[in-house]
All heavy atoms as atom14 arrays in JSON, in Angstrom:
{
  "sequence": "IFFLQLRVIGSTMGTRAELASLVELLDATGTRPLVDRVLPMTDAREG",
  "atom14_mask": [
    [1, 1, 1, 1, 1, 1, 1, 1, 0, 0, 0, 0, 0, 0],
    [1, 1, 1, 1, 1, 1, 1, 1, 1, 1, 1, 0, 0, 0],
    [1, 1, 1, 1, 1, 1, 1, 1, 1, 1, 1, 0, 0, 0],
    [1, 1, 1, 1, 1, 1, 1, 1, 0, 0, 0, 0, 0, 0],
    [1, 1, 1, 1, 1, 1, 1, 1, 1, 0, 0, 0, 0, 0],
    [1, 1, 1, 1, 1, 1, 1, 1, 0, 0, 0, 0, 0, 0],
    [1, 1, 1, 1, 1, 1, 1, 1, 1, 1, 1, 0, 0, 0],
    [1, 1, 1, 1, 1, 1, 1, 0, 0, 0, 0, 0, 0, 0],
    [1, 1, 1, 1, 1, 1, 1, 1, 0, 0, 0, 0, 0, 0],
    [1, 1, 1, 1, 0, 0, 0, 0, 0, 0, 0, 0, 0, 0],
    [1, 1, 1, 1, 1, 1, 0, 0, 0, 0, 0, 0, 0, 0],
    [1, 1, 1, 1, 1, 1, 1, 0, 0, 0, 0, 0, 0, 0],
    [1, 1, 1, 1, 1, 1, 1, 1, 0, 0, 0, 0, 0, 0],
    [1, 1, 1, 1, 0, 0, 0, 0, 0, 0, 0, 0, 0, 0],
    [1, 1, 1, 1, 1, 1, 1, 0, 0, 0, 0, 0, 0, 0],
    [1, 1, 1, 1, 1, 1, 1, 1, 1, 1, 1, 0, 0, 0],
    [1, 1, 1, 1, 1, 0, 0, 0, 0, 0, 0, 0, 0, 0],
    [1, 1, 1, 1, 1, 1, 1, 1, 1, 0, 0, 0, 0, 0],
    [1, 1, 1, 1, 1, 1, 1, 1, 0, 0, 0, 0, 0, 0],
    [1, 1, 1, 1, 1, 0, 0, 0, 0, 0, 0, 0, 0, 0],
    [1, 1, 1, 1, 1, 1, 0, 0, 0, 0, 0, 0, 0, 0],
    [1, 1, 1, 1, 1, 1, 1, 1, 0, 0, 0, 0, 0, 0],
    [1, 1, 1, 1, 1, 1, 1, 0, 0, 0, 0, 0, 0, 0],
    [1, 1, 1, 1, 1, 1, 1, 1, 1, 0, 0, 0, 0, 0],
    [1, 1, 1, 1, 1, 1, 1, 1, 0, 0, 0, 0, 0, 0],
    [1, 1, 1, 1, 1, 1, 1, 1, 0, 0, 0, 0, 0, 0],
    [1, 1, 1, 1, 1, 1, 1, 1, 0, 0, 0, 0, 0, 0],
    [1, 1, 1, 1, 1, 0, 0, 0, 0, 0, 0, 0, 0, 0],
    [1, 1, 1, 1, 1, 1, 1, 0, 0, 0, 0, 0, 0, 0],
    [1, 1, 1, 1, 0, 0, 0, 0, 0, 0, 0, 0, 0, 0],
    [1, 1, 1, 1, 1, 1, 1, 0, 0, 0, 0, 0, 0, 0],
    [1, 1, 1, 1, 1, 1, 1, 1, 1, 1, 1, 0, 0, 0],
    [1, 1, 1, 1, 1, 1, 1, 0, 0, 0, 0, 0, 0, 0],
    [1, 1, 1, 1, 1, 1, 1, 1, 0, 0, 0, 0, 0, 0],
    [1, 1, 1, 1, 1, 1, 1, 0, 0, 0, 0, 0, 0, 0],
    [1, 1, 1, 1, 1, 1, 1, 1, 0, 0, 0, 0, 0, 0],
    [1, 1, 1, 1, 1, 1, 1, 1, 1, 1, 1, 0, 0, 0],
    [1, 1, 1, 1, 1, 1, 1, 0, 0, 0, 0, 0, 0, 0],
    [1, 1, 1, 1, 1, 1, 1, 1, 0, 0, 0, 0, 0, 0],
    [1, 1, 1, 1, 1, 1, 1, 0, 0, 0, 0, 0, 0, 0],
    [1, 1, 1, 1, 1, 1, 1, 1, 0, 0, 0, 0, 0, 0],
    [1, 1, 1, 1, 1, 1, 1, 0, 0, 0, 0, 0, 0, 0],
    [1, 1, 1, 1, 1, 1, 1, 1, 0, 0, 0, 0, 0, 0],
    [1, 1, 1, 1, 1, 0, 0, 0, 0, 0, 0, 0, 0, 0],
    [1, 1, 1, 1, 1, 1, 1, 1, 1, 1, 1, 0, 0, 0],
    [1, 1, 1, 1, 1, 1, 1, 1, 1, 0, 0, 0, 0, 0],
    [1, 1, 1, 1, 0, 0, 0, 0, 0, 0, 0, 0, 0, 0]
  ],
  "atom14_positions": [
    [[-44.37, 78.61, 49.51], [-44.36, 78.57, 50.97], [-43.7, 79.82, 51.54], [-44.24, 80.47, 52.45], [-43.68, 77.29, 51.47], [-44.57, 76.06, 51.19], [-43.38, 77.38, 52.98], [-43.91, 74.74, 51.47], [0.0, 0.0, 0.0], [0.0, 0.0, 0.0], [0.0, 0.0, 0.0], [0.0, 0.0, 0.0], [0.0, 0.0, 0.0], [0.0, 0.0, 0.0]],
    [[-42.5, 80.18, 51.03], [-41.83, 81.34, 51.64], [-42.45, 82.66, 51.19], [-42.55, 83.62, 51.97], [-40.31, 81.31, 51.41], [-39.83, 81.73, 50.06], [-39.88, 83.06, 49.63], [-39.26, 80.8, 49.19], [-39.41, 83.44, 48.39], [-38.77, 81.18, 47.95], [-38.85, 82.5, 47.54], [0.0, 0.0, 0.0], [0.0, 0.0, 0.0], [0.0, 0.0, 0.0]],
    [[-42.91, 82.74, 49.93], [-43.46, 84.01, 49.44], [-44.77, 84.35, 50.14], [-45.03, 85.52, 50.45], [-43.66, 83.93, 47.93], [-44.04, 85.25, 47.3], [-43.09, 86.25, 47.14], [-45.35, 85.49, 46.9], [-43.45, 87.48, 46.58], [-45.71, 86.71, 46.35], [-44.75, 87.71, 46.18], [0.0, 0.0, 0.0], [0.0, 0.0, 0.0], [0.0, 0.0, 0.0]],
    [[-45.61, 83.34, 50.39], [-46.89, 83.58, 51.06], [-46.8, 83.39, 52.57], [-47.81, 83.48, 53.27], [-47.96, 82.64, 50.48], [-48.3, 82.85, 49.01], [-49.33, 81.83, 48.55], [-48.8, 84.28, 48.76], [0.0, 0.0, 0.0], [0.0, 0.0, 0.0], [0.0, 0.0, 0.0], [0.0, 0.0, 0.0], [0.0, 0.0, 0.0], [0.0, 0.0, 0.0]],
    [[-45.58, 83.14, 53.07], [-45.34, 82.98, 54.5], [-46.27, 81.91, 55.11], [-46.88, 82.12, 56.15], [-45.51, 84.32, 55.23], [-44.57, 85.41, 54.7], [-44.68, 86.7, 55.47], [-44.19, 86.8, 56.59], [-45.33, 87.69, 54.86], [0.0, 0.0, 0.0], [0.0, 0.0, 0.0], [0.0, 0.0, 0.0], [0.0, 0.0, 0.0], [0.0, 0.0, 0.0]],
    [[-46.33, 80.79, 54.41], [-47.15, 79.69, 54.89], [-46.42, 78.93, 56.0], [-45.19, 78.94, 56.07], [-47.48, 78.74, 53.73], [-48.14, 79.38, 52.52], [-48.38, 78.34, 51.44], [-49.44, 80.08, 52.9], [0.0, 0.0, 0.0], [0.0, 0.0, 0.0], [0.0, 0.0, 0.0], [0.0, 0.0, 0.0], [0.0, 0.0, 0.0], [0.0, 0.0, 0.0]],
    [[-47.19, 78.26, 56.84], [-46.62, 77.47, 57.92], [-46.87, 75.99, 57.65], [-48.01, 75.61, 57.35], [-47.24, 77.88, 59.25], [-46.85, 79.29, 59.72], [-47.71, 79.75, 60.88], [-49.09, 79.99, 60.45], [-50.16, 79.67, 61.17], [-50.02, 79.07, 62.35], [-51.38, 79.93, 60.73], [0.0, 0.0, 0.0], [0.0, 0.0, 0.0], [0.0, 0.0, 0.0]],
    [[-45.85, 75.2, 57.77], [-45.97, 73.74, 57.63], [-45.71, 73.14, 59.01], [-44.62, 73.29, 59.57], [-44.97, 73.2, 56.6], [-45.08, 71.67, 56.52], [-45.22, 73.82, 55.23], [0.0, 0.0, 0.0], [0.0, 0.0, 0.0], [0.0, 0.0, 0.0], [0.0, 0.0, 0.0], [0.0, 0.0, 0.0], [0.0, 0.0, 0.0], [0.0, 0.0, 0.0]],
    [[-46.71, 72.45, 59.55], [-46.66, 72.0, 60.94], [-46.88, 70.49, 61.0], [-47.88, 69.98, 60.49], [-47.75, 72.7, 61.78], [-47.62, 74.22, 61.67], [-47.69, 72.25, 63.25], [-48.82, 74.99, 62.2], [0.0, 0.0, 0.0], [0.0, 0.0, 0.0], [0.0, 0.0, 0.0], [0.0, 0.0, 0.0], [0.0, 0.0, 0.0], [0.0, 0.0, 0.0]],
    [[-45.95, 69.79, 61.6], [-46.12, 68.37, 61.81], [-46.96, 68.1, 63.04], [-47.01, 68.9, 63.98], [0.0, 0.0, 0.0], [0.0, 0.0, 0.0], [0.0, 0.0, 0.0], [0.0, 0.0, 0.0], [0.0, 0.0, 0.0], [0.0, 0.0, 0.0], [0.0, 0.0, 0.0], [0.0, 0.0, 0.0], [0.0, 0.0, 0.0], [0.0, 0.0, 0.0]],
    [[-47.64, 66.95, 63.03], [-48.47, 66.58, 64.18], [-48.48, 65.07, 64.32], [-48.69, 64.35, 63.33], [-49.9, 67.11, 63.99], [-50.67, 66.95, 65.16], [0.0, 0.0, 0.0], [0.0, 0.0, 0.0], [0.0, 0.0, 0.0], [0.0, 0.0, 0.0], [0.0, 0.0, 0.0], [0.0, 0.0, 0.0], [0.0, 0.0, 0.0], [0.0, 0.0, 0.0]],
    [[-48.25, 64.59, 65.52], [-48.21, 63.15, 65.78], [-49.04, 62.81, 67.0], [-48.8, 63.34, 68.1], [-46.76, 62.68, 66.02], [-45.98, 62.91, 64.85], [-46.72, 61.21, 66.35], [0.0, 0.0, 0.0], [0.0, 0.0, 0.0], [0.0, 0.0, 0.0], [0.0, 0.0, 0.0], [0.0, 0.0, 0.0], [0.0, 0.0, 0.0], [0.0, 0.0, 0.0]],
    [[-50.05, 61.97, 66.79], [-50.88, 61.47, 67.89], [-51.35, 62.6, 68.8], [-51.8, 63.63, 68.33], [-50.13, 60.39, 68.66], [-50.01, 59.08, 67.92], [-51.61, 58.27, 67.68], [-52.03, 57.84, 69.37], [0.0, 0.0, 0.0], [0.0, 0.0, 0.0], [0.0, 0.0, 0.0], [0.0, 0.0, 0.0], [0.0, 0.0, 0.0], [0.0, 0.0, 0.0]],
    [[-51.25, 62.41, 70.12], [-51.71, 63.4, 71.08], [-51.37, 62.96, 72.48], [-50.83, 61.87, 72.71], [0.0, 0.0, 0.0], [0.0, 0.0, 0.0], [0.0, 0.0, 0.0], [0.0, 0.0, 0.0], [0.0, 0.0, 0.0], [0.0, 0.0, 0.0], [0.0, 0.0, 0.0], [0.0, 0.0, 0.0], [0.0, 0.0, 0.0], [0.0, 0.0, 0.0]],
    [[-51.68, 63.8, 73.44], [-51.35, 63.53, 74.85], [-52.57, 62.96, 75.58], [-53.7, 63.02, 75.09], [-50.93, 64.82, 75.56], [-52.06, 65.71, 75.62], [-49.79, 65.52, 74.82], [0.0, 0.0, 0.0], [0.0, 0.0, 0.0], [0.0, 0.0, 0.0], [0.0, 0.0, 0.0], [0.0, 0.0, 0.0], [0.0, 0.0, 0.0], [0.0, 0.0, 0.0]],
    [[-52.3, 62.43, 76.78], [-53.4, 61.94, 77.6], [-54.36, 63.09, 77.93], [-55.58, 62.92, 77.92], [-52.87, 61.34, 78.9], [-54.0, 60.77, 79.79], [-53.55, 60.55, 81.23], [-54.64, 60.03, 82.04], [-55.61, 60.76, 82.56], [-55.65, 62.08, 82.33], [-56.56, 60.2, 83.3], [0.0, 0.0, 0.0], [0.0, 0.0, 0.0], [0.0, 0.0, 0.0]],
    [[-53.82, 64.28, 78.21], [-54.66, 65.43, 78.53], [-55.55, 65.8, 77.33], [-56.72, 66.16, 77.5], [-53.8, 66.63, 78.94], [0.0, 0.0, 0.0], [0.0, 0.0, 0.0], [0.0, 0.0, 0.0], [0.0, 0.0, 0.0], [0.0, 0.0, 0.0], [0.0, 0.0, 0.0], [0.0, 0.0, 0.0], [0.0, 0.0, 0.0], [0.0, 0.0, 0.0]],
    [[-54.99, 65.72, 76.12], [-55.79, 66.01, 74.93], [-56.87, 64.95, 74.72], [-57.99, 65.27, 74.31], [-54.89, 66.11, 73.7], [-54.05, 67.39, 73.69], [-52.94, 67.36, 72.65], [-52.49, 66.25, 72.26], [-52.5, 68.45, 72.24], [0.0, 0.0, 0.0], [0.0, 0.0, 0.0], [0.0, 0.0, 0.0], [0.0, 0.0, 0.0], [0.0, 0.0, 0.0]],
    [[-56.55, 63.68, 75.02], [-57.55, 62.63, 74.92], [-58.68, 62.89, 75.9], [-59.87, 62.74, 75.56], [-56.92, 61.26, 75.18], [-57.89, 60.07, 75.15], [-58.59, 59.95, 73.81], [-57.13, 58.77, 75.48], [0.0, 0.0, 0.0], [0.0, 0.0, 0.0], [0.0, 0.0, 0.0], [0.0, 0.0, 0.0], [0.0, 0.0, 0.0], [0.0, 0.0, 0.0]],
    [[-58.35, 63.3, 77.12], [-59.37, 63.62, 78.11], [-60.25, 64.79, 77.63], [-61.47, 64.77, 77.79], [-58.73, 63.95, 79.45], [0.0, 0.0, 0.0], [0.0, 0.0, 0.0], [0.0, 0.0, 0.0], [0.0, 0.0, 0.0], [0.0, 0.0, 0.0], [0.0, 0.0, 0.0], [0.0, 0.0, 0.0], [0.0, 0.0, 0.0], [0.0, 0.0, 0.0]],
    [[-59.62, 65.8, 77.02], [-60.39, 66.94, 76.5], [-61.29, 66.52, 75.35], [-62.43, 66.99, 75.23], [-59.43, 68.04, 76.04], [-58.7, 68.58, 77.13], [0.0, 0.0, 0.0], [0.0, 0.0, 0.0], [0.0, 0.0, 0.0], [0.0, 0.0, 0.0], [0.0, 0.0, 0.0], [0.0, 0.0, 0.0], [0.0, 0.0, 0.0], [0.0, 0.0, 0.0]],
    [[-60.79, 65.65, 74.49], [-61.59, 65.13, 73.38], [-62.81, 64.38, 73.9], [-63.93, 64.58, 73.41], [-60.73, 64.21, 72.51], [-61.45, 63.36, 71.46], [-62.16, 64.24, 70.44], [-60.45, 62.42, 70.78], [0.0, 0.0, 0.0], [0.0, 0.0, 0.0], [0.0, 0.0, 0.0], [0.0, 0.0, 0.0], [0.0, 0.0, 0.0], [0.0, 0.0, 0.0]],
    [[-62.61, 63.53, 74.9], [-63.72, 62.79, 75.48], [-64.75, 63.75, 76.07], [-65.97, 63.58, 75.89], [-63.2, 61.81, 76.56], [-64.36, 61.22, 77.36], [-62.38, 60.7, 75.92], [0.0, 0.0, 0.0], [0.0, 0.0, 0.0], [0.0, 0.0, 0.0], [0.0, 0.0, 0.0], [0.0, 0.0, 0.0], [0.0, 0.0, 0.0], [0.0, 0.0, 0.0]],
    [[-64.29, 64.78, 76.76], [-65.21, 65.76, 77.35], [-65.96, 66.52, 76.26], [-67.16, 66.82, 76.41], [-64.43, 66.73, 78.23], [-63.88, 66.09, 79.5], [-63.04, 67.06, 80.32], [-62.97, 68.26, 79.93], [-62.46, 66.63, 81.33], [0.0, 0.0, 0.0], [0.0, 0.0, 0.0], [0.0, 0.0, 0.0], [0.0, 0.0, 0.0], [0.0, 0.0, 0.0]],
    [[-65.29, 66.84, 75.15], [-65.94, 67.54, 74.04], [-67.09, 66.7, 73.49], [-68.2, 67.21, 73.26], [-64.92, 67.83, 72.94], [-65.46, 68.39, 71.63], [-66.08, 69.77, 71.84], [-64.37, 68.47, 70.57], [0.0, 0.0, 0.0], [0.0, 0.0, 0.0], [0.0, 0.0, 0.0], [0.0, 0.0, 0.0], [0.0, 0.0, 0.0], [0.0, 0.0, 0.0]],
    [[-66.85, 65.42, 73.27], [-67.89, 64.56, 72.73], [-69.03, 64.39, 73.73], [-70.2, 64.35, 73.35], [-67.31, 63.2, 72.35], [-66.82, 63.08, 70.89], [-65.75, 64.1, 70.56], [-66.29, 61.66, 70.63], [0.0, 0.0, 0.0], [0.0, 0.0, 0.0], [0.0, 0.0, 0.0], [0.0, 0.0, 0.0], [0.0, 0.0, 0.0], [0.0, 0.0, 0.0]],
    [[-68.68, 64.28, 75.0], [-69.71, 64.14, 76.03], [-70.58, 65.38, 76.1], [-71.82, 65.29, 76.22], [-69.02, 63.9, 77.38], [-70.01, 63.63, 78.51], [-71.04, 62.96, 78.26], [-69.75, 64.08, 79.64], [0.0, 0.0, 0.0], [0.0, 0.0, 0.0], [0.0, 0.0, 0.0], [0.0, 0.0, 0.0], [0.0, 0.0, 0.0], [0.0, 0.0, 0.0]],
    [[-69.98, 66.56, 75.98], [-70.72, 67.82, 76.12], [-71.56, 68.16, 74.89], [-72.64, 68.73, 75.01], [-69.75, 68.96, 76.42], [0.0, 0.0, 0.0], [0.0, 0.0, 0.0], [0.0, 0.0, 0.0], [0.0, 0.0, 0.0], [0.0, 0.0, 0.0], [0.0, 0.0, 0.0], [0.0, 0.0, 0.0], [0.0, 0.0, 0.0], [0.0, 0.0, 0.0]],
    [[-71.04, 67.81, 73.7], [-71.7, 68.24, 72.47], [-72.61, 67.18, 71.85], [-73.42, 67.5, 70.99], [-70.65, 68.63, 71.4], [-69.86, 67.48, 71.08], [-69.76, 69.76, 71.93], [0.0, 0.0, 0.0], [0.0, 0.0, 0.0], [0.0, 0.0, 0.0], [0.0, 0.0, 0.0], [0.0, 0.0, 0.0], [0.0, 0.0, 0.0], [0.0, 0.0, 0.0]],
    [[-72.44, 65.94, 72.25], [-73.2, 64.86, 71.61], [-72.6, 64.42, 70.29], [-73.17, 63.56, 69.6], [0.0, 0.0, 0.0], [0.0, 0.0, 0.0], [0.0, 0.0, 0.0], [0.0, 0.0, 0.0], [0.0, 0.0, 0.0], [0.0, 0.0, 0.0], [0.0, 0.0, 0.0], [0.0, 0.0, 0.0], [0.0, 0.0, 0.0], [0.0, 0.0, 0.0]],
    [[-71.46, 65.01, 69.91], [-70.76, 64.57, 68.71], [-70.29, 63.14, 68.89], [-69.83, 62.76, 69.97], [-69.55, 65.48, 68.45], [-70.01, 66.83, 68.34], [-68.82, 65.09, 67.17], [0.0, 0.0, 0.0], [0.0, 0.0, 0.0], [0.0, 0.0, 0.0], [0.0, 0.0, 0.0], [0.0, 0.0, 0.0], [0.0, 0.0, 0.0], [0.0, 0.0, 0.0]],
    [[-70.39, 62.34, 67.84], [-70.03, 60.93, 67.94], [-69.13, 60.5, 66.79], [-69.28, 60.99, 65.66], [-71.28, 60.05, 67.96], [-72.14, 60.22, 69.22], [-71.4, 59.73, 70.45], [-72.15, 59.92, 71.68], [-72.04, 60.97, 72.49], [-71.19, 61.95, 72.18], [-72.75, 61.05, 73.59], [0.0, 0.0, 0.0], [0.0, 0.0, 0.0], [0.0, 0.0, 0.0]],
    [[-68.21, 59.57, 67.06], [-67.37, 59.04, 65.99], [-68.21, 58.34, 64.93], [-69.26, 57.75, 65.24], [-66.46, 58.04, 66.71], [-66.5, 58.43, 68.14], [-67.87, 59.0, 68.37], [0.0, 0.0, 0.0], [0.0, 0.0, 0.0], [0.0, 0.0, 0.0], [0.0, 0.0, 0.0], [0.0, 0.0, 0.0], [0.0, 0.0, 0.0], [0.0, 0.0, 0.0]],
    [[-67.75, 58.39, 63.71], [-68.41, 57.68, 62.62], [-67.85, 56.26, 62.57], [-66.65, 56.07, 62.39], [-68.17, 58.39, 61.3], [-68.84, 57.74, 60.09], [-70.35, 57.84, 60.2], [-68.38, 58.39, 58.8], [0.0, 0.0, 0.0], [0.0, 0.0, 0.0], [0.0, 0.0, 0.0], [0.0, 0.0, 0.0], [0.0, 0.0, 0.0], [0.0, 0.0, 0.0]],
    [[-68.72, 55.28, 62.72], [-68.32, 53.88, 62.72], [-68.73, 53.26, 61.39], [-69.91, 53.29, 61.02], [-68.96, 53.11, 63.88], [-68.61, 51.63, 63.81], [-68.5, 53.71, 65.22], [0.0, 0.0, 0.0], [0.0, 0.0, 0.0], [0.0, 0.0, 0.0], [0.0, 0.0, 0.0], [0.0, 0.0, 0.0], [0.0, 0.0, 0.0], [0.0, 0.0, 0.0]],
    [[-67.76, 52.72, 60.65], [-68.05, 52.08, 59.38], [-68.74, 50.74, 59.6], [-69.73, 50.43, 58.95], [-66.74, 51.87, 58.6], [-66.96, 51.18, 57.26], [-67.17, 51.89, 56.27], [-66.92, 49.93, 57.22], [0.0, 0.0, 0.0], [0.0, 0.0, 0.0], [0.0, 0.0, 0.0], [0.0, 0.0, 0.0], [0.0, 0.0, 0.0], [0.0, 0.0, 0.0]],
    [[-68.2, 49.93, 60.53], [-68.8, 48.64, 60.84], [-68.27, 48.15, 62.18], [-67.19, 48.53, 62.62], [-68.48, 47.62, 59.74], [-67.05, 47.19, 59.64], [-66.74, 46.46, 58.34], [-66.67, 47.4, 57.22], [-66.43, 47.04, 55.96], [-66.27, 45.77, 55.66], [-66.36, 47.94, 55.0], [0.0, 0.0, 0.0], [0.0, 0.0, 0.0], [0.0, 0.0, 0.0]],
    [[-69.07, 47.31, 62.82], [-68.69, 46.67, 64.08], [-68.65, 45.17, 63.84], [-69.62, 44.58, 63.34], [-69.68, 47.0, 65.21], [-69.29, 46.27, 66.49], [-69.75, 48.51, 65.45], [0.0, 0.0, 0.0], [0.0, 0.0, 0.0], [0.0, 0.0, 0.0], [0.0, 0.0, 0.0], [0.0, 0.0, 0.0], [0.0, 0.0, 0.0], [0.0, 0.0, 0.0]],
    [[-67.53, 44.54, 64.19], [-67.33, 43.12, 63.99], [-66.88, 42.48, 65.29], [-66.17, 43.11, 66.08], [-66.25, 42.86, 62.93], [-66.48, 43.4, 61.52], [-65.18, 43.31, 60.72], [-67.58, 42.62, 60.83], [0.0, 0.0, 0.0], [0.0, 0.0, 0.0], [0.0, 0.0, 0.0], [0.0, 0.0, 0.0], [0.0, 0.0, 0.0], [0.0, 0.0, 0.0]],
    [[-67.26, 41.23, 65.54], [-66.65, 40.53, 66.66], [-65.16, 40.35, 66.39], [-64.75, 40.19, 65.24], [-67.39, 39.18, 66.69], [-67.94, 39.01, 65.31], [-68.22, 40.39, 64.8], [0.0, 0.0, 0.0], [0.0, 0.0, 0.0], [0.0, 0.0, 0.0], [0.0, 0.0, 0.0], [0.0, 0.0, 0.0], [0.0, 0.0, 0.0], [0.0, 0.0, 0.0]],
    [[-64.36, 40.4, 67.44], [-62.92, 40.32, 67.25], [-62.5, 39.01, 66.59], [-61.46, 38.94, 65.93], [-62.2, 40.51, 68.59], [-60.76, 40.97, 68.47], [-59.99, 41.37, 70.05], [-60.81, 42.9, 70.47], [0.0, 0.0, 0.0], [0.0, 0.0, 0.0], [0.0, 0.0, 0.0], [0.0, 0.0, 0.0], [0.0, 0.0, 0.0], [0.0, 0.0, 0.0]],
    [[-63.33, 38.0, 66.73], [-63.04, 36.73, 66.06], [-63.06, 36.87, 64.54], [-62.48, 36.05, 63.83], [-64.05, 35.66, 66.48], [-65.38, 36.18, 66.35], [-63.82, 35.23, 67.93], [0.0, 0.0, 0.0], [0.0, 0.0, 0.0], [0.0, 0.0, 0.0], [0.0, 0.0, 0.0], [0.0, 0.0, 0.0], [0.0, 0.0, 0.0], [0.0, 0.0, 0.0]],
    [[-63.72, 37.91, 64.03], [-63.78, 38.17, 62.58], [-62.82, 39.29, 62.18], [-63.05, 40.0, 61.19], [-65.2, 38.55, 62.17], [-66.18, 37.4, 62.32], [-65.73, 36.24, 62.43], [-67.4, 37.66, 62.35], [0.0, 0.0, 0.0], [0.0, 0.0, 0.0], [0.0, 0.0, 0.0], [0.0, 0.0, 0.0], [0.0, 0.0, 0.0], [0.0, 0.0, 0.0]],
    [[-61.74, 39.45, 62.94], [-60.81, 40.55, 62.68], [-60.25, 40.53, 61.27], [-60.04, 41.59, 60.66], [-59.66, 40.51, 63.7], [0.0, 0.0, 0.0], [0.0, 0.0, 0.0], [0.0, 0.0, 0.0], [0.0, 0.0, 0.0], [0.0, 0.0, 0.0], [0.0, 0.0, 0.0], [0.0, 0.0, 0.0], [0.0, 0.0, 0.0], [0.0, 0.0, 0.0]],
    [[-60.03, 39.35, 60.72], [-59.47, 39.26, 59.37], [-60.35, 40.0, 58.35], [-59.84, 40.63, 57.41], [-59.28, 37.8, 58.97], [-58.57, 37.61, 57.63], [-58.28, 36.14, 57.38], [-57.35, 35.61, 58.37], [-56.03, 35.7, 58.26], [-55.49, 36.28, 57.18], [-55.24, 35.21, 59.19], [0.0, 0.0, 0.0], [0.0, 0.0, 0.0], [0.0, 0.0, 0.0]],
    [[-61.66, 39.92, 58.52], [-62.58, 40.62, 57.62], [-62.36, 42.13, 57.68], [-62.37, 42.82, 56.65], [-64.02, 40.28, 57.99], [-65.06, 41.0, 57.15], [-66.49, 40.71, 57.61], [-66.72, 39.66, 58.25], [-67.37, 41.56, 57.33], [0.0, 0.0, 0.0], [0.0, 0.0, 0.0], [0.0, 0.0, 0.0], [0.0, 0.0, 0.0], [0.0, 0.0, 0.0]],
    [[-62.17, 42.66, 58.89], [-61.91, 44.09, 59.03], [-60.59, 44.51, 58.43], [-60.5, 45.54, 57.75], [0.0, 0.0, 0.0], [0.0, 0.0, 0.0], [0.0, 0.0, 0.0], [0.0, 0.0, 0.0], [0.0, 0.0, 0.0], [0.0, 0.0, 0.0], [0.0, 0.0, 0.0], [0.0, 0.0, 0.0], [0.0, 0.0, 0.0], [0.0, 0.0, 0.0]]
  ]
}
C-alpha cells in the first residue's frame, strides 16, 4: 500500500442527493436494476 501509494477509501451508503442522481441516471440511460425474484411480502420468509 505505501510503496505503490495506493489509496484505501471507506464508503457507507449515500446521500439523498446521490439517490436523486442515481434515479436520474437510470431514467436517462434505461439502465435497470437486476432483480433476482419478486415475491409477495406475505412470502418474505422465502426471500
